[in-house]
Amino acid sequence: MAKKSGFMAEFKKFVMRGNVIDLAVGVIVGGAFQAIVKSLVDDIVMPVISLITKGIDFTGKFFALDGVDYATLEEAQAAGAAVLTYGNFISAVINFFIMAFVIFCLVKAINVLNEKTSKKETEVPAEPTTKICPYCQSEISIKATKCPCCTSDLAK
């Protein structure tokens, strides 16, 4: 039984670490963000692309593997034909690139904001702890009154 409680204690420790909780929050927020980007692509970008390509709707593009020509994707699916829906793939690729671009812009904006709001600390040079003996040119303590190398008296 000791092994089981040890395993469970280790698992509990793993789950309760901050990184796991942060990851869970990130996944949930990412899922919600994906819905926004999907709507952006489906409702705004794809109609513009269809306008540019003279009305081509990528989501309806498919290739039936049984060799029969079907008028619509729904017709092919109703007939039970195996289809390659390459239009959906094109939409998914566009989704990916738009999401990557939006995330890039957000991270860039956050970095710029952090840069502007963070106080830039100027490094104060440390007080010197050594000096050069004017007689023998050896490096000695700043507090020295007599050079340990040449035994010269040093003026303060």
C-alpha atoms as a PDB file:
ATOM      1  CA  MET A   1       0.000   0.000   0.000  1.00  0.00           C
ATOM      2  CA  ALA A   2       2.901   2.352   0.638  1.00  0.00           C
ATOM      3  CA  LYS A   3       3.776   2.348  -3.069  1.00  0.00           C
ATOM      4  CA  LYS A   4       0.236   3.293  -4.067  1.00  0.00           C
ATOM      5  CA  SER A   5       0.030   6.195  -1.635  1.00  0.00           C
ATOM      6  CA  GLY A   6       3.520   7.279  -2.705  1.00  0.00           C
ATOM      7  CA  PHE A   7       2.462   7.171  -6.335  1.00  0.00           C
ATOM      8  CA  MET A   8      -0.753   9.067  -5.593  1.00  0.00           C
ATOM      9  CA  ALA A   9       1.132  11.636  -3.513  1.00  0.00           C
ATOM     10  CA  GLU A  10       3.587  12.130  -6.375  1.00  0.00           C
ATOM     11  CA  PHE A  11       0.707  12.438  -8.866  1.00  0.00           C
ATOM     12  CA  LYS A  12      -1.051  14.985  -6.635  1.00  0.00           C
ATOM     13  CA  LYS A  13       2.180  16.985  -6.347  1.00  0.00           C
ATOM     14  CA  PHE A  14       2.539  16.915 -10.143  1.00  0.00           C
ATOM     15  CA  VAL A  15      -1.035  18.054 -10.784  1.00  0.00           C
ATOM     16  CA  MET A  16      -0.925  20.832  -8.206  1.00  0.00           C
ATOM     17  CA  ARG A  17       2.233  22.411  -9.581  1.00  0.00           C
ATOM     18  CA  GLY A  18       1.677  25.837 -11.078  1.00  0.00           C
ATOM     19  CA  ASN A  19       2.826  24.799 -14.555  1.00  0.00           C
ATOM     20  CA  VAL A  20       0.039  22.233 -14.960  1.00  0.00           C
ATOM     21  CA  ILE A  21      -2.625  24.714 -13.878  1.00  0.00           C
ATOM     22  CA  ASP A  22      -1.186  27.381 -16.196  1.00  0.00           C
ATOM     23  CA  LEU A  23      -1.170  24.882 -19.055  1.00  0.00           C
ATOM     24  CA  ALA A  24      -4.813  23.966 -18.415  1.00  0.00           C
ATOM     25  CA  VAL A  25      -5.829  27.624 -18.431  1.00  0.00           C
ATOM     26  CA  GLY A  26      -3.841  28.149 -21.646  1.00  0.00           C
ATOM     27  CA  VAL A  27      -5.576  25.238 -23.370  1.00  0.00           C
ATOM     28  CA  ILE A  28      -9.033  26.494 -22.365  1.00  0.00           C
ATOM     29  CA  VAL A  29      -8.307  30.053 -23.469  1.00  0.00           C
ATOM     30  CA  GLY A  30      -6.727  28.706 -26.676  1.00  0.00           C
ATOM     31  CA  GLY A  31      -9.896  26.753 -27.461  1.00  0.00           C
ATOM     32  CA  ALA A  32     -12.018  29.865 -27.020  1.00  0.00           C
ATOM     33  CA  PHE A  33      -9.550  31.870 -29.102  1.00  0.00           C
ATOM     34  CA  GLN A  34      -9.722  29.265 -31.862  1.00  0.00           C
ATOM     35  CA  ALA A  35     -13.487  29.774 -32.087  1.00  0.00           C
ATOM     36  CA  ILE A  36     -12.914  33.497 -32.625  1.00  0.00           C
ATOM     37  CA  VAL A  37     -10.290  32.881 -35.313  1.00  0.00           C
ATOM     38  CA  LYS A  38     -12.478  30.249 -37.016  1.00  0.00           C
ATOM     39  CA  SER A  39     -15.298  32.774 -37.168  1.00  0.00           C
ATOM     40  CA  LEU A  40     -12.881  35.382 -38.531  1.00  0.00           C
ATOM     41  CA  VAL A  41     -11.762  32.984 -41.263  1.00  0.00           C
ATOM     42  CA  ASP A  42     -15.194  31.559 -42.118  1.00  0.00           C
ATOM     43  CA  ASP A  43     -17.205  34.772 -41.896  1.00  0.00           C
ATOM     44  CA  ILE A  44     -14.758  37.442 -43.018  1.00  0.00           C
ATOM     45  CA  VAL A  45     -11.633  36.113 -44.739  1.00  0.00           C
ATOM     46  CA  MET A  46     -13.091  33.266 -46.806  1.00  0.00           C
ATOM     47  CA  PRO A  47     -15.843  35.444 -48.364  1.00  0.00           C
ATOM     48  CA  VAL A  48     -13.169  37.965 -49.368  1.00  0.00           C
ATOM     49  CA  ILE A  49     -11.027  35.174 -50.828  1.00  0.00           C
ATOM     50  CA  SER A  50     -14.092  33.808 -52.646  1.00  0.00           C
ATOM     51  CA  LEU A  51     -14.717  37.300 -54.042  1.00  0.00           C
ATOM     52  CA  ILE A  52     -11.103  37.542 -55.220  1.00  0.00           C
ATOM     53  CA  THR A  53     -11.274  34.061 -56.769  1.00  0.00           C
ATOM     54  CA  LYS A  54     -14.609  34.902 -58.450  1.00  0.00           C
ATOM     55  CA  GLY A  55     -16.940  33.028 -56.147  1.00  0.00           C
ATOM     56  CA  ILE A  56     -14.940  29.878 -55.468  1.00  0.00           C
ATOM     57  CA  ASP A  57     -16.027  28.402 -52.132  1.00  0.00           C
ATOM     58  CA  PHE A  58     -13.164  26.261 -50.872  1.00  0.00           C
ATOM     59  CA  THR A  59     -15.254  24.396 -48.310  1.00  0.00           C
ATOM     60  CA  GLY A  60     -17.321  22.815 -51.088  1.00  0.00           C
ATOM     61  CA  LYS A  61     -14.300  21.526 -53.017  1.00  0.00           C
ATOM     62  CA  PHE A  62     -13.900  17.747 -52.981  1.00  0.00           C
ATOM     63  CA  PHE A  63     -12.804  14.807 -55.054  1.00  0.00           C
ATOM     64  CA  ALA A  64     -14.824  11.588 -55.053  1.00  0.00           C
ATOM     65  CA  LEU A  65     -12.596   8.515 -54.928  1.00  0.00           C
ATOM     66  CA  ASP A  66     -15.177   6.212 -56.542  1.00  0.00           C
ATOM     67  CA  GLY A  67     -14.793   8.010 -59.904  1.00  0.00           C
ATOM     68  CA  VAL A  68     -18.383   9.270 -60.055  1.00  0.00           C
ATOM     69  CA  ASP A  69     -19.013  12.991 -60.514  1.00  0.00           C
ATOM     70  CA  TYR A  70     -21.261  14.383 -57.797  1.00  0.00           C
ATOM     71  CA  ALA A  71     -22.688  17.902 -57.965  1.00  0.00           C
ATOM     72  CA  THR A  72     -22.205  18.604 -54.272  1.00  0.00           C
ATOM     73  CA  LEU A  73     -20.289  17.231 -51.329  1.00  0.00           C
ATOM     74  CA  GLU A  74     -23.561  16.395 -49.589  1.00  0.00           C
ATOM     75  CA  GLU A  75     -24.625  14.317 -52.595  1.00  0.00           C
ATOM     76  CA  ALA A  76     -21.381  12.345 -52.519  1.00  0.00           C
ATOM     77  CA  GLN A  77     -21.612  11.766 -48.773  1.00  0.00           C
ATOM     78  CA  ALA A  78     -25.270  10.675 -49.086  1.00  0.00           C
ATOM     79  CA  ALA A  79     -24.206   8.140 -51.714  1.00  0.00           C
ATOM     80  CA  GLY A  80     -21.605   6.819 -49.264  1.00  0.00           C
ATOM     81  CA  ALA A  81     -18.694   7.664 -51.541  1.00  0.00           C
ATOM     82  CA  ALA A  82     -15.225   8.159 -50.088  1.00  0.00           C
ATOM     83  CA  VAL A  83     -14.240  11.760 -50.736  1.00  0.00           C
ATOM     84  CA  LEU A  84     -11.167  13.906 -50.323  1.00  0.00           C
ATOM     85  CA  THR A  85     -12.440  17.254 -49.078  1.00  0.00           C
ATOM     86  CA  TYR A  86      -9.403  19.289 -50.007  1.00  0.00           C
ATOM     87  CA  GLY A  87     -11.420  22.508 -49.660  1.00  0.00           C
ATOM     88  CA  ASN A  88     -11.759  21.898 -45.930  1.00  0.00           C
ATOM     89  CA  PHE A  89      -7.997  21.344 -45.794  1.00  0.00           C
ATOM     90  CA  ILE A  90      -7.383  24.670 -47.543  1.00  0.00           C
ATOM     91  CA  SER A  91      -9.653  26.361 -44.998  1.00  0.00           C
ATOM     92  CA  ALA A  92      -7.781  24.667 -42.139  1.00  0.00           C
ATOM     93  CA  VAL A  93      -4.428  25.830 -43.527  1.00  0.00           C
ATOM     94  CA  ILE A  94      -5.735  29.387 -43.841  1.00  0.00           C
ATOM     95  CA  ASN A  95      -7.086  29.093 -40.276  1.00  0.00           C
ATOM     96  CA  PHE A  96      -3.659  28.031 -39.063  1.00  0.00           C
ATOM     97  CA  PHE A  97      -1.811  30.880 -40.748  1.00  0.00           C
ATOM     98  CA  ILE A  98      -4.293  33.473 -39.561  1.00  0.00           C
ATOM     99  CA  MET A  99      -4.153  32.121 -36.002  1.00  0.00           C
ATOM    100  CA  ALA A 100      -0.349  32.093 -36.076  1.00  0.00           C
ATOM    101  CA  PHE A 101      -0.327  35.664 -37.414  1.00  0.00           C
ATOM    102  CA  VAL A 102      -2.804  36.900 -34.789  1.00  0.00           C
ATOM    103  CA  ILE A 103      -0.832  35.230 -31.973  1.00  0.00           C
ATOM    104  CA  PHE A 104       2.391  36.715 -33.353  1.00  0.00           C
ATOM    105  CA  CYS A 105       0.810  40.189 -33.383  1.00  0.00           C
ATOM    106  CA  LEU A 106      -0.506  39.754 -29.824  1.00  0.00           C
ATOM    107  CA  VAL A 107       2.856  38.583 -28.480  1.00  0.00           C
ATOM    108  CA  LYS A 108       4.638  41.388 -30.320  1.00  0.00           C
ATOM    109  CA  ALA A 109       2.208  43.978 -28.897  1.00  0.00           C
ATOM    110  CA  ILE A 110       2.590  42.574 -25.379  1.00  0.00           C
ATOM    111  CA  ASN A 111       6.391  42.652 -25.700  1.00  0.00           C
ATOM    112  CA  VAL A 112       6.321  46.273 -26.893  1.00  0.00           C
ATOM    113  CA  LEU A 113       3.963  47.194 -24.048  1.00  0.00           C
ATOM    114  CA  ASN A 114       6.183  45.437 -21.501  1.00  0.00           C
ATOM    115  CA  GLU A 115       9.219  47.205 -22.912  1.00  0.00           C
ATOM    116  CA  LYS A 116       7.560  50.611 -22.599  1.00  0.00           C
ATOM    117  CA  THR A 117       6.143  50.059 -19.127  1.00  0.00           C
ATOM    118  CA  SER A 118       9.107  48.332 -17.526  1.00  0.00           C
ATOM    119  CA  LYS A 119      11.442  50.634 -15.684  1.00  0.00           C
ATOM    120  CA  LYS A 120      14.847  50.473 -17.184  1.00  0.00           C
ATOM    121  CA  GLU A 121      17.300  50.162 -14.373  1.00  0.00           C
ATOM    122  CA  THR A 122      20.604  51.780 -15.093  1.00  0.00           C
ATOM    123  CA  GLU A 123      23.476  49.863 -13.692  1.00  0.00           C
ATOM    124  CA  VAL A 124      25.455  51.885 -11.208  1.00  0.00           C
ATOM    125  CA  PRO A 125      29.122  51.122 -11.635  1.00  0.00           C
ATOM    126  CA  ALA A 126      30.545  49.392  -8.595  1.00  0.00           C
ATOM    127  CA  GLU A 127      32.999  51.295  -6.475  1.00  0.00           C
ATOM    128  CA  PRO A 128      36.561  50.320  -7.370  1.00  0.00           C
ATOM    129  CA  THR A 129      38.211  47.942  -4.914  1.00  0.00           C
ATOM    130  CA  THR A 130      41.721  48.169  -6.325  1.00  0.00           C
ATOM    131  CA  LYS A 131      44.154  50.817  -7.537  1.00  0.00           C
ATOM    132  CA  ILE A 132      47.493  50.852  -9.321  1.00  0.00           C
ATOM    133  CA  CYS A 133      50.674  51.597  -7.396  1.00  0.00           C
ATOM    134  CA  PRO A 134      52.229  54.727  -8.976  1.00  0.00           C
ATOM    135  CA  TYR A 135      55.727  53.342  -8.412  1.00  0.00           C
ATOM    136  CA  CYS A 136      55.664  49.687  -9.482  1.00  0.00           C
ATOM    137  CA  GLN A 137      52.369  49.648 -11.409  1.00  0.00           C
ATOM    138  CA  SER A 138      51.058  46.592  -9.555  1.00  0.00           C
ATOM    139  CA  GLU A 139      47.403  46.272  -8.630  1.00  0.00           C
ATOM    140  CA  ILE A 140      46.784  46.789  -4.925  1.00  0.00           C
ATOM    141  CA  SER A 141      43.856  47.286  -2.540  1.00  0.00           C
ATOM    142  CA  ILE A 142      42.207  50.702  -2.657  1.00  0.00           C
ATOM    143  CA  LYS A 143      42.693  50.983   1.133  1.00  0.00           C
ATOM    144  CA  ALA A 144      46.438  50.257   1.046  1.00  0.00           C
ATOM    145  CA  THR A 145      48.772  52.911   2.449  1.00  0.00           C
ATOM    146  CA  LYS A 146      51.930  50.965   1.621  1.00  0.00           C
ATOM    147  CA  CYS A 147      52.473  48.919  -1.564  1.00  0.00           C
ATOM    148  CA  PRO A 148      52.974  45.223  -0.686  1.00  0.00           C
ATOM    149  CA  CYS A 149      55.080  44.728  -3.811  1.00  0.00           C
ATOM    150  CA  CYS A 150      57.574  47.602  -3.701  1.00  0.00           C
ATOM    151  CA  THR A 151      56.969  48.808  -0.108  1.00  0.00           C
ATOM    152  CA  SER A 152      56.521  52.409  -1.233  1.00  0.00           C
ATOM    153  CA  ASP A 153      54.471  54.716   0.933  1.00  0.00           C
ATOM    154  CA  LEU A 154      51.281  55.721  -0.847  1.00  0.00           C
ATOM    155  CA  ALA A 155      49.679  59.116  -0.411  1.00  0.00           C
ATOM    156  CA  LYS A 156      45.958  59.032   0.243  1.00  0.00           C
END
